[in-house]
Full PDB file with SEQRES, HELIX, SHEET, SSBOND, CRYST1, ORIGX, SCALE, CONECT and MASTER records, all heavy atoms in Angstrom:
SEQRES   1 A   36  GLY GLY GLY VAL VAL VAL THR GLY ASP ARG ILE GLY ALA          
SEQRES   2 A   36  VAL GLY THR PHE GLU GLU LEU ARG GLU ARG PHE PRO GLY          
SEQRES   3 A   36  ALA ARG VAL ARG LYS TRP ALA GLY VAL LEU                      
HELIX    1 AA1 PHE A   17  ARG A   23  1                                   7    
SHEET    1 AA1 2 GLY A   2  THR A   7  0                                        
SHEET    2 AA1 2 ARG A  10  THR A  16 -1                                        
CRYST1    1.000    1.000    1.000  90.00  90.00  90.00 P 1           1          
ORIGX1      1.000000  0.000000  0.000000        0.00000                         
ORIGX2      0.000000  1.000000  0.000000        0.00000                         
ORIGX3      0.000000  0.000000  1.000000        0.00000                         
SCALE1      1.000000  0.000000  0.000000        0.00000                         
SCALE2      0.000000  1.000000  0.000000        0.00000                         
SCALE3      0.000000  0.000000  1.000000        0.00000                         
ATOM      1  N   GLY A   1       0.851  -1.201  -0.020  1.00  0.00           N  
ATOM      2  CA  GLY A   1       0.007  -0.039   0.015  1.00  0.00           C  
ATOM      3  C   GLY A   1       0.878   1.231  -0.042  1.00  0.00           C  
ATOM      4  O   GLY A   1       0.529   2.220   0.670  1.00  0.00           O  
ATOM      5  N   GLY A   2       1.937   1.203  -0.757  1.00  0.00           N  
ATOM      6  CA  GLY A   2       2.886   2.313  -0.766  1.00  0.00           C  
ATOM      7  C   GLY A   2       2.687   3.311  -1.851  1.00  0.00           C  
ATOM      8  O   GLY A   2       1.810   3.218  -2.630  1.00  0.00           O  
ATOM      9  N   GLY A   3       3.535   4.305  -1.850  1.00  0.00           N  
ATOM     10  CA  GLY A   3       3.456   5.382  -2.853  1.00  0.00           C  
ATOM     11  C   GLY A   3       4.730   6.109  -2.967  1.00  0.00           C  
ATOM     12  O   GLY A   3       5.667   5.946  -2.203  1.00  0.00           O  
ATOM     13  N   VAL A   4       4.715   6.870  -4.010  1.00  0.00           N  
ATOM     14  CA  VAL A   4       5.891   7.776  -4.329  1.00  0.00           C  
ATOM     15  C   VAL A   4       5.446   9.129  -4.688  1.00  0.00           C  
ATOM     16  O   VAL A   4       4.512   9.210  -5.551  1.00  0.00           O  
ATOM     17  CB  VAL A   4       6.756   7.206  -5.584  1.00  0.00           C  
ATOM     18  CG1 VAL A   4       7.889   8.123  -5.878  1.00  0.00           C  
ATOM     19  CG2 VAL A   4       7.214   5.763  -5.267  1.00  0.00           C  
ATOM     20  N   VAL A   5       5.893  10.170  -4.017  1.00  0.00           N  
ATOM     21  CA  VAL A   5       5.544  11.540  -4.364  1.00  0.00           C  
ATOM     22  C   VAL A   5       6.500  12.078  -5.375  1.00  0.00           C  
ATOM     23  O   VAL A   5       7.727  11.950  -5.205  1.00  0.00           O  
ATOM     24  CB  VAL A   5       5.480  12.453  -3.112  1.00  0.00           C  
ATOM     25  CG1 VAL A   5       5.222  13.851  -3.466  1.00  0.00           C  
ATOM     26  CG2 VAL A   5       4.496  11.904  -2.098  1.00  0.00           C  
ATOM     27  N   VAL A   6       5.977  12.604  -6.451  1.00  0.00           N  
ATOM     28  CA  VAL A   6       6.777  13.190  -7.519  1.00  0.00           C  
ATOM     29  C   VAL A   6       6.536  14.699  -7.582  1.00  0.00           C  
ATOM     30  O   VAL A   6       5.372  15.054  -7.711  1.00  0.00           O  
ATOM     31  CB  VAL A   6       6.499  12.550  -8.921  1.00  0.00           C  
ATOM     32  CG1 VAL A   6       7.259  13.261 -10.013  1.00  0.00           C  
ATOM     33  CG2 VAL A   6       6.893  11.050  -8.847  1.00  0.00           C  
ATOM     34  N   THR A   7       7.524  15.487  -7.533  1.00  0.00           N  
ATOM     35  CA  THR A   7       7.502  16.933  -7.632  1.00  0.00           C  
ATOM     36  C   THR A   7       8.367  17.321  -8.837  1.00  0.00           C  
ATOM     37  O   THR A   7       9.588  17.165  -8.687  1.00  0.00           O  
ATOM     38  CB  THR A   7       7.847  17.682  -6.377  1.00  0.00           C  
ATOM     39  OG1 THR A   7       7.069  17.133  -5.294  1.00  0.00           O  
ATOM     40  CG2 THR A   7       7.770  19.194  -6.520  1.00  0.00           C  
ATOM     41  N   GLY A   8       7.832  17.766  -9.929  1.00  0.00           N  
ATOM     42  CA  GLY A   8       8.587  18.138 -11.099  1.00  0.00           C  
ATOM     43  C   GLY A   8       9.269  16.863 -11.581  1.00  0.00           C  
ATOM     44  O   GLY A   8       8.606  15.869 -11.846  1.00  0.00           O  
ATOM     45  N   ASP A   9      10.634  16.856 -11.657  1.00  0.00           N  
ATOM     46  CA  ASP A   9      11.304  15.712 -12.215  1.00  0.00           C  
ATOM     47  C   ASP A   9      11.962  14.901 -11.106  1.00  0.00           C  
ATOM     48  O   ASP A   9      12.792  14.031 -11.337  1.00  0.00           O  
ATOM     49  CB  ASP A   9      12.289  16.067 -13.312  1.00  0.00           C  
ATOM     50  CG  ASP A   9      13.526  16.887 -12.793  1.00  0.00           C  
ATOM     51  OD1 ASP A   9      13.402  17.375 -11.629  1.00  0.00           O  
ATOM     52  OD2 ASP A   9      14.474  17.093 -13.527  1.00  0.00           O  
ATOM     53  N   ARG A  10      11.620  15.183  -9.845  1.00  0.00           N  
ATOM     54  CA  ARG A  10      12.289  14.583  -8.607  1.00  0.00           C  
ATOM     55  C   ARG A  10      11.335  13.847  -7.771  1.00  0.00           C  
ATOM     56  O   ARG A  10      10.134  14.082  -7.689  1.00  0.00           O  
ATOM     57  CB  ARG A  10      12.969  15.639  -7.800  1.00  0.00           C  
ATOM     58  CG  ARG A  10      14.087  16.461  -8.558  1.00  0.00           C  
ATOM     59  CD  ARG A  10      15.245  15.552  -8.687  1.00  0.00           C  
ATOM     60  NE  ARG A  10      16.053  15.913  -9.879  1.00  0.00           N  
ATOM     61  CZ  ARG A  10      17.008  15.207 -10.350  1.00  0.00           C  
ATOM     62  NH1 ARG A  10      17.318  14.005  -9.813  1.00  0.00           N  
ATOM     63  NH2 ARG A  10      17.656  15.618 -11.441  1.00  0.00           N  
ATOM     64  N   ILE A  11      11.872  12.869  -7.031  1.00  0.00           N  
ATOM     65  CA  ILE A  11      11.128  12.135  -6.056  1.00  0.00           C  
ATOM     66  C   ILE A  11      11.137  12.891  -4.739  1.00  0.00           C  
ATOM     67  O   ILE A  11      12.277  13.281  -4.263  1.00  0.00           O  
ATOM     68  CB  ILE A  11      11.665  10.661  -5.819  1.00  0.00           C  
ATOM     69  CG1 ILE A  11      11.473   9.847  -7.109  1.00  0.00           C  
ATOM     70  CG2 ILE A  11      11.024  10.010  -4.651  1.00  0.00           C  
ATOM     71  CD1 ILE A  11      12.162   8.493  -7.040  1.00  0.00           C  
ATOM     72  N   GLY A  12       9.973  13.234  -4.225  1.00  0.00           N  
ATOM     73  CA  GLY A  12       9.874  13.953  -3.010  1.00  0.00           C  
ATOM     74  C   GLY A  12       9.945  13.100  -1.757  1.00  0.00           C  
ATOM     75  O   GLY A  12      10.378  13.445  -0.718  1.00  0.00           O  
ATOM     76  N   ALA A  13       9.228  11.871  -1.894  1.00  0.00           N  
ATOM     77  CA  ALA A  13       9.207  10.895  -0.804  1.00  0.00           C  
ATOM     78  C   ALA A  13       8.664   9.575  -1.230  1.00  0.00           C  
ATOM     79  O   ALA A  13       8.042   9.474  -2.251  1.00  0.00           O  
ATOM     80  CB  ALA A  13       8.313  11.540   0.271  1.00  0.00           C  
ATOM     81  N   VAL A  14       9.052   8.539  -0.466  1.00  0.00           N  
ATOM     82  CA  VAL A  14       8.629   7.222  -0.664  1.00  0.00           C  
ATOM     83  C   VAL A  14       8.145   6.711   0.580  1.00  0.00           C  
ATOM     84  O   VAL A  14       8.844   6.879   1.710  1.00  0.00           O  
ATOM     85  CB  VAL A  14       9.741   6.273  -1.187  1.00  0.00           C  
ATOM     86  CG1 VAL A  14       9.309   4.878  -1.414  1.00  0.00           C  
ATOM     87  CG2 VAL A  14      10.394   6.871  -2.482  1.00  0.00           C  
ATOM     88  N   GLY A  15       6.947   6.056   0.697  1.00  0.00           N  
ATOM     89  CA  GLY A  15       6.404   5.509   1.933  1.00  0.00           C  
ATOM     90  C   GLY A  15       5.056   4.908   1.729  1.00  0.00           C  
ATOM     91  O   GLY A  15       4.651   4.580   0.642  1.00  0.00           O  
ATOM     92  N   THR A  16       4.331   4.738   2.901  1.00  0.00           N  
ATOM     93  CA  THR A  16       2.987   4.226   2.780  1.00  0.00           C  
ATOM     94  C   THR A  16       2.091   5.314   2.269  1.00  0.00           C  
ATOM     95  O   THR A  16       2.366   6.495   2.456  1.00  0.00           O  
ATOM     96  CB  THR A  16       2.532   3.739   4.156  1.00  0.00           C  
ATOM     97  OG1 THR A  16       2.414   4.854   5.106  1.00  0.00           O  
ATOM     98  CG2 THR A  16       3.457   2.711   4.765  1.00  0.00           C  
ATOM     99  N   PHE A  17       0.918   4.897   1.704  1.00  0.00           N  
ATOM    100  CA  PHE A  17      -0.023   5.838   1.232  1.00  0.00           C  
ATOM    101  C   PHE A  17      -0.472   6.779   2.338  1.00  0.00           C  
ATOM    102  O   PHE A  17      -0.531   8.011   2.175  1.00  0.00           O  
ATOM    103  CB  PHE A  17      -1.186   5.177   0.572  1.00  0.00           C  
ATOM    104  CG  PHE A  17      -2.340   6.090   0.172  1.00  0.00           C  
ATOM    105  CD1 PHE A  17      -2.125   6.958  -0.846  1.00  0.00           C  
ATOM    106  CD2 PHE A  17      -3.506   6.084   0.926  1.00  0.00           C  
ATOM    107  CE1 PHE A  17      -3.198   7.920  -1.194  1.00  0.00           C  
ATOM    108  CE2 PHE A  17      -4.586   6.948   0.572  1.00  0.00           C  
ATOM    109  CZ  PHE A  17      -4.388   7.889  -0.472  1.00  0.00           C  
ATOM    110  N   GLU A  18      -0.804   6.231   3.462  1.00  0.00           N  
ATOM    111  CA  GLU A  18      -1.289   7.010   4.606  1.00  0.00           C  
ATOM    112  C   GLU A  18      -0.314   8.117   5.042  1.00  0.00           C  
ATOM    113  O   GLU A  18      -0.693   9.250   5.231  1.00  0.00           O  
ATOM    114  CB  GLU A  18      -1.640   6.122   5.798  1.00  0.00           C  
ATOM    115  CG  GLU A  18      -2.817   5.178   5.561  1.00  0.00           C  
ATOM    116  CD  GLU A  18      -2.421   3.964   4.797  1.00  0.00           C  
ATOM    117  OE1 GLU A  18      -1.189   3.607   4.702  1.00  0.00           O  
ATOM    118  OE2 GLU A  18      -3.371   3.248   4.220  1.00  0.00           O  
ATOM    119  N   GLU A  19       0.965   7.650   5.193  1.00  0.00           N  
ATOM    120  CA  GLU A  19       2.014   8.642   5.571  1.00  0.00           C  
ATOM    121  C   GLU A  19       2.163   9.763   4.487  1.00  0.00           C  
ATOM    122  O   GLU A  19       2.235  10.959   4.901  1.00  0.00           O  
ATOM    123  CB  GLU A  19       3.305   7.884   5.770  1.00  0.00           C  
ATOM    124  CG  GLU A  19       4.479   8.781   5.898  1.00  0.00           C  
ATOM    125  CD  GLU A  19       5.857   8.073   5.664  1.00  0.00           C  
ATOM    126  OE1 GLU A  19       5.907   7.060   4.869  1.00  0.00           O  
ATOM    127  OE2 GLU A  19       6.879   8.453   6.305  1.00  0.00           O  
ATOM    128  N   LEU A  20       2.210   9.431   3.319  1.00  0.00           N  
ATOM    129  CA  LEU A  20       2.409  10.335   2.252  1.00  0.00           C  
ATOM    130  C   LEU A  20       1.213  11.308   2.046  1.00  0.00           C  
ATOM    131  O   LEU A  20       1.371  12.483   1.828  1.00  0.00           O  
ATOM    132  CB  LEU A  20       2.815   9.644   0.962  1.00  0.00           C  
ATOM    133  CG  LEU A  20       4.121   8.870   0.987  1.00  0.00           C  
ATOM    134  CD1 LEU A  20       4.317   8.081  -0.318  1.00  0.00           C  
ATOM    135  CD2 LEU A  20       5.342   9.784   1.320  1.00  0.00           C  
ATOM    136  N   ARG A  21       0.013  10.780   2.225  1.00  0.00           N  
ATOM    137  CA  ARG A  21      -1.155  11.579   2.049  1.00  0.00           C  
ATOM    138  C   ARG A  21      -1.220  12.620   3.185  1.00  0.00           C  
ATOM    139  O   ARG A  21      -1.583  13.810   2.927  1.00  0.00           O  
ATOM    140  CB  ARG A  21      -2.439  10.660   2.094  1.00  0.00           C  
ATOM    141  CG  ARG A  21      -3.638  11.302   1.720  1.00  0.00           C  
ATOM    142  CD  ARG A  21      -3.512  11.644   0.239  1.00  0.00           C  
ATOM    143  NE  ARG A  21      -4.762  12.303  -0.238  1.00  0.00           N  
ATOM    144  CZ  ARG A  21      -4.790  13.216  -1.183  1.00  0.00           C  
ATOM    145  NH1 ARG A  21      -3.663  13.612  -1.729  1.00  0.00           N  
ATOM    146  NH2 ARG A  21      -5.849  13.757  -1.568  1.00  0.00           N  
ATOM    147  N   GLU A  22      -0.751  12.259   4.369  1.00  0.00           N  
ATOM    148  CA  GLU A  22      -0.714  13.205   5.473  1.00  0.00           C  
ATOM    149  C   GLU A  22       0.350  14.243   5.226  1.00  0.00           C  
ATOM    150  O   GLU A  22       0.113  15.453   5.444  1.00  0.00           O  
ATOM    151  CB  GLU A  22      -0.434  12.449   6.758  1.00  0.00           C  
ATOM    152  CG  GLU A  22      -0.525  13.360   8.027  1.00  0.00           C  
ATOM    153  CD  GLU A  22      -0.302  12.525   9.253  1.00  0.00           C  
ATOM    154  OE1 GLU A  22      -0.970  11.463   9.484  1.00  0.00           O  
ATOM    155  OE2 GLU A  22       0.552  12.928  10.065  1.00  0.00           O  
ATOM    156  N   ARG A  23       1.479  13.853   4.722  1.00  0.00           N  
ATOM    157  CA  ARG A  23       2.539  14.843   4.479  1.00  0.00           C  
ATOM    158  C   ARG A  23       2.354  15.696   3.298  1.00  0.00           C  
ATOM    159  O   ARG A  23       2.804  16.879   3.209  1.00  0.00           O  
ATOM    160  CB  ARG A  23       3.896  14.103   4.263  1.00  0.00           C  
ATOM    161  CG  ARG A  23       4.531  13.560   5.550  1.00  0.00           C  
ATOM    162  CD  ARG A  23       5.808  12.775   5.315  1.00  0.00           C  
ATOM    163  NE  ARG A  23       6.773  13.585   4.716  1.00  0.00           N  
ATOM    164  CZ  ARG A  23       7.827  13.080   4.060  1.00  0.00           C  
ATOM    165  NH1 ARG A  23       8.008  11.782   3.951  1.00  0.00           N  
ATOM    166  NH2 ARG A  23       8.665  13.858   3.484  1.00  0.00           N  
ATOM    167  N   PHE A  24       1.607  15.201   2.295  1.00  0.00           N  
ATOM    168  CA  PHE A  24       1.353  15.893   1.021  1.00  0.00           C  
ATOM    169  C   PHE A  24      -0.076  15.927   0.742  1.00  0.00           C  
ATOM    170  O   PHE A  24      -0.572  15.333  -0.262  1.00  0.00           O  
ATOM    171  CB  PHE A  24       2.158  15.260  -0.153  1.00  0.00           C  
ATOM    172  CG  PHE A  24       3.608  15.159   0.066  1.00  0.00           C  
ATOM    173  CD1 PHE A  24       4.183  14.106   0.730  1.00  0.00           C  
ATOM    174  CD2 PHE A  24       4.461  16.213  -0.295  1.00  0.00           C  
ATOM    175  CE1 PHE A  24       5.609  13.960   0.961  1.00  0.00           C  
ATOM    176  CE2 PHE A  24       5.850  16.156  -0.092  1.00  0.00           C  
ATOM    177  CZ  PHE A  24       6.386  15.083   0.618  1.00  0.00           C  
ATOM    178  N   PRO A  25      -0.962  16.647   1.511  1.00  0.00           N  
ATOM    179  CA  PRO A  25      -2.365  16.623   1.352  1.00  0.00           C  
ATOM    180  C   PRO A  25      -2.898  17.163   0.047  1.00  0.00           C  
ATOM    181  O   PRO A  25      -3.942  16.774  -0.398  1.00  0.00           O  
ATOM    182  CB  PRO A  25      -2.907  17.421   2.568  1.00  0.00           C  
ATOM    183  CG  PRO A  25      -1.803  18.315   2.913  1.00  0.00           C  
ATOM    184  CD  PRO A  25      -0.445  17.528   2.598  1.00  0.00           C  
ATOM    185  N   GLY A  26      -2.129  18.041  -0.558  1.00  0.00           N  
ATOM    186  CA  GLY A  26      -2.626  18.644  -1.833  1.00  0.00           C  
ATOM    187  C   GLY A  26      -2.148  17.915  -3.103  1.00  0.00           C  
ATOM    188  O   GLY A  26      -2.479  18.266  -4.217  1.00  0.00           O  
ATOM    189  N   ALA A  27      -1.440  16.745  -2.906  1.00  0.00           N  
ATOM    190  CA  ALA A  27      -0.900  16.000  -4.022  1.00  0.00           C  
ATOM    191  C   ALA A  27      -2.078  15.382  -4.865  1.00  0.00           C  
ATOM    192  O   ALA A  27      -3.018  14.823  -4.248  1.00  0.00           O  
ATOM    193  CB  ALA A  27       0.082  15.000  -3.615  1.00  0.00           C  
ATOM    194  N   ARG A  28      -1.999  15.370  -6.105  1.00  0.00           N  
ATOM    195  CA  ARG A  28      -2.860  14.641  -6.950  1.00  0.00           C  
ATOM    196  C   ARG A  28      -2.544  13.114  -6.812  1.00  0.00           C  
ATOM    197  O   ARG A  28      -1.351  12.826  -6.753  1.00  0.00           O  
ATOM    198  CB  ARG A  28      -2.687  15.069  -8.449  1.00  0.00           C  
ATOM    199  CG  ARG A  28      -3.400  14.151  -9.403  1.00  0.00           C  
ATOM    200  CD  ARG A  28      -3.195  14.633 -10.839  1.00  0.00           C  
ATOM    201  NE  ARG A  28      -1.748  14.662 -11.111  1.00  0.00           N  
ATOM    202  CZ  ARG A  28      -1.206  14.955 -12.316  1.00  0.00           C  
ATOM    203  NH1 ARG A  28      -2.019  15.304 -13.270  1.00  0.00           N  
ATOM    204  NH2 ARG A  28       0.111  14.921 -12.455  1.00  0.00           N  
ATOM    205  N   VAL A  29      -3.503  12.345  -6.647  1.00  0.00           N  
ATOM    206  CA  VAL A  29      -3.266  10.819  -6.361  1.00  0.00           C  
ATOM    207  C   VAL A  29      -3.540  10.092  -7.741  1.00  0.00           C  
ATOM    208  O   VAL A  29      -4.608  10.238  -8.295  1.00  0.00           O  
ATOM    209  CB  VAL A  29      -4.213  10.302  -5.265  1.00  0.00           C  
ATOM    210  CG1 VAL A  29      -3.974   8.825  -5.072  1.00  0.00           C  
ATOM    211  CG2 VAL A  29      -3.923  11.013  -3.945  1.00  0.00           C  
ATOM    212  N   ARG A  30      -2.577   9.269  -8.070  1.00  0.00           N  
ATOM    213  CA  ARG A  30      -2.766   8.410  -9.245  1.00  0.00           C  
ATOM    214  C   ARG A  30      -2.535   6.977  -8.743  1.00  0.00           C  
ATOM    215  O   ARG A  30      -1.443   6.608  -8.288  1.00  0.00           O  
ATOM    216  CB  ARG A  30      -1.651   8.751 -10.251  1.00  0.00           C  
ATOM    217  CG  ARG A  30      -2.107   8.273 -11.652  1.00  0.00           C  
ATOM    218  CD  ARG A  30      -1.102   8.851 -12.660  1.00  0.00           C  
ATOM    219  NE  ARG A  30      -1.893   9.874 -13.425  1.00  0.00           N  
ATOM    220  CZ  ARG A  30      -1.376  10.682 -14.288  1.00  0.00           C  
ATOM    221  NH1 ARG A  30      -0.123  10.686 -14.443  1.00  0.00           N  
ATOM    222  NH2 ARG A  30      -2.102  11.503 -14.918  1.00  0.00           N  
ATOM    223  N   LYS A  31      -3.647   6.179  -8.724  1.00  0.00           N  
ATOM    224  CA  LYS A  31      -3.633   4.804  -8.268  1.00  0.00           C  
ATOM    225  C   LYS A  31      -3.328   3.879  -9.405  1.00  0.00           C  
ATOM    226  O   LYS A  31      -3.983   3.917 -10.494  1.00  0.00           O  
ATOM    227  CB  LYS A  31      -4.888   4.510  -7.582  1.00  0.00           C  
ATOM    228  CG  LYS A  31      -5.141   5.331  -6.348  1.00  0.00           C  
ATOM    229  CD  LYS A  31      -6.391   4.844  -5.556  1.00  0.00           C  
ATOM    230  CE  LYS A  31      -6.487   5.717  -4.330  1.00  0.00           C  
ATOM    231  NZ  LYS A  31      -7.608   5.316  -3.508  1.00  0.00           N  
ATOM    232  N   TRP A  32      -2.419   2.920  -9.168  1.00  0.00           N  
ATOM    233  CA  TRP A  32      -2.005   1.873 -10.164  1.00  0.00           C  
ATOM    234  C   TRP A  32      -2.301   0.527  -9.569  1.00  0.00           C  
ATOM    235  O   TRP A  32      -1.947   0.275  -8.435  1.00  0.00           O  
ATOM    236  CB  TRP A  32      -0.588   2.112 -10.477  1.00  0.00           C  
ATOM    237  CG  TRP A  32      -0.238   3.362 -11.058  1.00  0.00           C  
ATOM    238  CD1 TRP A  32       0.506   4.361 -10.432  1.00  0.00           C  
ATOM    239  CD2 TRP A  32      -0.465   3.859 -12.352  1.00  0.00           C  
ATOM    240  NE1 TRP A  32       0.629   5.421 -11.198  1.00  0.00           N  
ATOM    241  CE2 TRP A  32       0.081   5.153 -12.514  1.00  0.00           C  
ATOM    242  CE3 TRP A  32      -1.159   3.340 -13.505  1.00  0.00           C  
ATOM    243  CZ2 TRP A  32       0.013   5.952 -13.616  1.00  0.00           C  
ATOM    244  CZ3 TRP A  32      -1.254   4.079 -14.600  1.00  0.00           C  
ATOM    245  CH2 TRP A  32      -0.633   5.419 -14.697  1.00  0.00           C  
ATOM    246  N   ALA A  33      -2.812  -0.332 -10.333  1.00  0.00           N  
ATOM    247  CA  ALA A  33      -2.971  -1.794 -10.007  1.00  0.00           C  
ATOM    248  C   ALA A  33      -1.683  -2.437 -10.351  1.00  0.00           C  
ATOM    249  O   ALA A  33      -1.204  -2.363 -11.529  1.00  0.00           O  
ATOM    250  CB  ALA A  33      -4.157  -2.358 -10.753  1.00  0.00           C  
ATOM    251  N   GLY A  34      -1.008  -3.058  -9.341  1.00  0.00           N  
ATOM    252  CA  GLY A  34       0.232  -3.626  -9.663  1.00  0.00           C  
ATOM    253  C   GLY A  34       1.360  -3.332  -8.717  1.00  0.00           C  
ATOM    254  O   GLY A  34       1.133  -2.864  -7.616  1.00  0.00           O  
ATOM    255  N   VAL A  35       2.547  -3.401  -9.274  1.00  0.00           N  
ATOM    256  CA  VAL A  35       3.789  -3.218  -8.377  1.00  0.00           C  
ATOM    257  C   VAL A  35       4.518  -2.070  -9.026  1.00  0.00           C  
ATOM    258  O   VAL A  35       4.857  -2.095 -10.156  1.00  0.00           O  
ATOM    259  CB  VAL A  35       4.618  -4.536  -8.456  1.00  0.00           C  
ATOM    260  CG1 VAL A  35       5.932  -4.344  -7.614  1.00  0.00           C  
ATOM    261  CG2 VAL A  35       3.835  -5.702  -7.859  1.00  0.00           C  
ATOM    262  N   LEU A  36       4.896  -1.061  -8.203  1.00  0.00           N  
ATOM    263  CA  LEU A  36       5.593   0.126  -8.618  1.00  0.00           C  
ATOM    264  C   LEU A  36       6.955   0.031  -8.142  1.00  0.00           C  
ATOM    265  O   LEU A  36       7.314  -0.357  -6.975  1.00  0.00           O  
ATOM    266  CB  LEU A  36       4.842   1.345  -8.113  1.00  0.00           C  
ATOM    267  CG  LEU A  36       5.415   2.705  -8.505  1.00  0.00           C  
ATOM    268  CD1 LEU A  36       4.253   3.737  -8.457  1.00  0.00           C  
ATOM    269  CD2 LEU A  36       6.528   3.228  -7.595  1.00  0.00           C  
TER     270      LEU A  36                                                      
MASTER        0    0    0    1    2    0    0    6  269    1    0    3          
END                                                                             
């Protein structure tokens, strides 16, 4: 249930969805079925 925050051409953070959603509440969410 993880995620990666992308800002511009850089990775901002990697972690669980819950953690990242809390840290980046304004981020657009793109959900993918599978392994990232």
